Amino acid sequence: MKCEHCGYEGVKSTFRYLYNTTLDAPTAYRECPKCFKWVIVNELEEEKKEKSA
């Protein structure tokens, strides 16, 4: 994952999970460990990227 605010890159687990917009939504909010700003993440896409890496 990459933070769009500061450019920090790391695995999804380093970004603190905040919440999903709805229970069935694929997107969620996570917090960047470097700048602490919120990042919108497509959880399904990130999971696919981690499995293929």
N, C-alpha and C. Protein backbone atom coordinates (compact mmCIF):
# COMPACT_ATOMS: atom_id res chain seq x y z
N MET A 1 0.83 -1.18 0.00
CA MET A 1 0.00 0.00 0.00
C MET A 1 0.87 1.24 0.00
N LYS A 2 0.30 2.33 -0.46
CA LYS A 2 1.02 3.59 -0.47
C LYS A 2 0.11 4.70 0.02
N CYS A 3 0.64 5.52 0.92
CA CYS A 3 -0.11 6.67 1.42
C CYS A 3 -0.08 7.76 0.35
N GLU A 4 -1.26 8.26 0.00
CA GLU A 4 -1.33 9.32 -1.01
C GLU A 4 -0.94 10.69 -0.47
N HIS A 5 -0.80 10.79 0.84
CA HIS A 5 -0.46 12.07 1.46
C HIS A 5 1.06 12.27 1.59
N CYS A 6 1.75 11.25 2.12
CA CYS A 6 3.19 11.41 2.38
C CYS A 6 4.07 10.49 1.52
N GLY A 7 3.46 9.52 0.84
CA GLY A 7 4.23 8.63 -0.02
C GLY A 7 4.76 7.38 0.68
N TYR A 8 4.47 7.20 1.96
CA TYR A 8 4.94 6.01 2.69
C TYR A 8 4.36 4.76 2.04
N GLU A 9 5.23 3.74 1.86
CA GLU A 9 4.78 2.47 1.31
C GLU A 9 5.04 1.36 2.31
N GLY A 10 4.07 0.47 2.46
CA GLY A 10 4.22 -0.65 3.36
C GLY A 10 3.10 -1.66 3.14
N VAL A 11 3.19 -2.76 3.85
CA VAL A 11 2.13 -3.78 3.73
C VAL A 11 0.88 -3.28 4.44
N LYS A 12 -0.24 -3.84 4.06
CA LYS A 12 -1.53 -3.39 4.58
C LYS A 12 -1.58 -3.44 6.10
N SER A 13 -0.95 -4.43 6.70
CA SER A 13 -1.02 -4.59 8.15
C SER A 13 -0.32 -3.47 8.93
N THR A 14 0.57 -2.71 8.26
CA THR A 14 1.23 -1.59 8.94
C THR A 14 0.31 -0.37 9.02
N PHE A 15 -0.72 -0.33 8.19
CA PHE A 15 -1.69 0.75 8.20
C PHE A 15 -2.82 0.35 9.14
N ARG A 16 -3.03 1.11 10.20
CA ARG A 16 -4.04 0.77 11.21
C ARG A 16 -5.44 0.85 10.63
N TYR A 17 -6.19 -0.23 10.82
CA TYR A 17 -7.58 -0.29 10.35
C TYR A 17 -8.43 0.66 11.17
N LEU A 18 -9.25 1.48 10.50
CA LEU A 18 -10.15 2.39 11.19
C LEU A 18 -11.59 1.88 11.08
N TYR A 19 -12.14 1.85 9.87
CA TYR A 19 -13.49 1.30 9.68
C TYR A 19 -13.85 1.20 8.21
N ASN A 20 -14.90 0.43 7.92
CA ASN A 20 -15.49 0.35 6.59
C ASN A 20 -16.64 1.34 6.52
N THR A 21 -16.93 1.81 5.33
CA THR A 21 -18.05 2.74 5.18
C THR A 21 -19.37 2.02 5.41
N THR A 22 -19.50 0.80 4.92
CA THR A 22 -20.64 -0.08 5.21
C THR A 22 -20.09 -1.49 5.35
N LEU A 23 -20.87 -2.36 5.93
CA LEU A 23 -20.39 -3.72 6.19
C LEU A 23 -20.02 -4.48 4.94
N ASP A 24 -20.73 -4.25 3.84
CA ASP A 24 -20.46 -5.00 2.62
C ASP A 24 -19.60 -4.24 1.60
N ALA A 25 -19.08 -3.09 1.98
CA ALA A 25 -18.27 -2.29 1.06
C ALA A 25 -16.84 -2.84 0.98
N PRO A 26 -16.25 -2.86 -0.21
CA PRO A 26 -14.87 -3.34 -0.34
C PRO A 26 -13.84 -2.30 0.11
N THR A 27 -14.28 -1.06 0.28
CA THR A 27 -13.34 -0.01 0.68
C THR A 27 -13.38 0.20 2.20
N ALA A 28 -12.23 0.59 2.73
CA ALA A 28 -12.12 0.85 4.16
C ALA A 28 -11.17 2.01 4.38
N TYR A 29 -11.22 2.57 5.57
CA TYR A 29 -10.30 3.63 5.94
C TYR A 29 -9.21 3.03 6.82
N ARG A 30 -7.97 3.39 6.51
CA ARG A 30 -6.82 2.97 7.31
C ARG A 30 -5.98 4.21 7.60
N GLU A 31 -5.16 4.14 8.65
CA GLU A 31 -4.35 5.28 9.06
C GLU A 31 -2.89 5.02 8.72
N CYS A 32 -2.24 5.96 8.07
CA CYS A 32 -0.83 5.85 7.70
C CYS A 32 0.01 5.88 8.98
N PRO A 33 0.97 4.94 9.12
CA PRO A 33 1.81 4.93 10.32
C PRO A 33 2.83 6.06 10.37
N LYS A 34 3.05 6.73 9.26
CA LYS A 34 4.05 7.81 9.23
C LYS A 34 3.42 9.19 9.47
N CYS A 35 2.39 9.52 8.69
CA CYS A 35 1.80 10.87 8.81
C CYS A 35 0.46 10.87 9.55
N PHE A 36 -0.09 9.69 9.84
CA PHE A 36 -1.34 9.52 10.59
C PHE A 36 -2.57 10.06 9.89
N LYS A 37 -2.48 10.28 8.59
CA LYS A 37 -3.66 10.71 7.83
C LYS A 37 -4.42 9.47 7.39
N TRP A 38 -5.70 9.66 7.09
CA TRP A 38 -6.55 8.55 6.67
C TRP A 38 -6.35 8.26 5.19
N VAL A 39 -6.32 6.99 4.87
CA VAL A 39 -6.15 6.52 3.50
C VAL A 39 -7.33 5.62 3.17
N ILE A 40 -7.95 5.84 2.02
CA ILE A 40 -9.04 4.97 1.58
C ILE A 40 -8.43 3.80 0.84
N VAL A 41 -8.79 2.60 1.26
CA VAL A 41 -8.17 1.38 0.73
C VAL A 41 -9.25 0.46 0.18
N ASN A 42 -8.99 -0.10 -1.00
CA ASN A 42 -9.84 -1.17 -1.51
C ASN A 42 -9.28 -2.46 -0.93
N GLU A 43 -9.90 -2.98 0.10
CA GLU A 43 -9.40 -4.15 0.82
C GLU A 43 -9.25 -5.37 -0.09
N LEU A 44 -10.19 -5.58 -0.98
CA LEU A 44 -10.13 -6.73 -1.87
C LEU A 44 -8.94 -6.66 -2.82
N GLU A 45 -8.70 -5.49 -3.39
CA GLU A 45 -7.57 -5.32 -4.30
C GLU A 45 -6.24 -5.49 -3.58
N GLU A 46 -6.13 -4.94 -2.38
CA GLU A 46 -4.89 -5.06 -1.61
C GLU A 46 -4.62 -6.51 -1.24
N GLU A 47 -5.67 -7.25 -0.92
CA GLU A 47 -5.51 -8.66 -0.57
C GLU A 47 -5.01 -9.45 -1.78
N LYS A 48 -5.54 -9.15 -2.96
CA LYS A 48 -5.08 -9.81 -4.18
C LYS A 48 -3.61 -9.50 -4.45
N LYS A 49 -3.20 -8.24 -4.26
CA LYS A 49 -1.81 -7.85 -4.49
C LYS A 49 -0.87 -8.57 -3.55
N GLU A 50 -1.25 -8.70 -2.27
CA GLU A 50 -0.40 -9.36 -1.29
C GLU A 50 -0.26 -10.85 -1.58
N LYS A 51 -1.33 -11.47 -2.06
CA LYS A 51 -1.28 -12.91 -2.37
C LYS A 51 -0.42 -13.19 -3.60
N SER A 52 -0.43 -12.26 -4.56
CA SER A 52 0.33 -12.48 -5.79
C SER A 52 1.80 -12.11 -5.65
N ALA A 53 2.15 -11.38 -4.60
CA ALA A 53 3.55 -10.95 -4.39
C ALA A 53 4.41 -12.04 -3.81
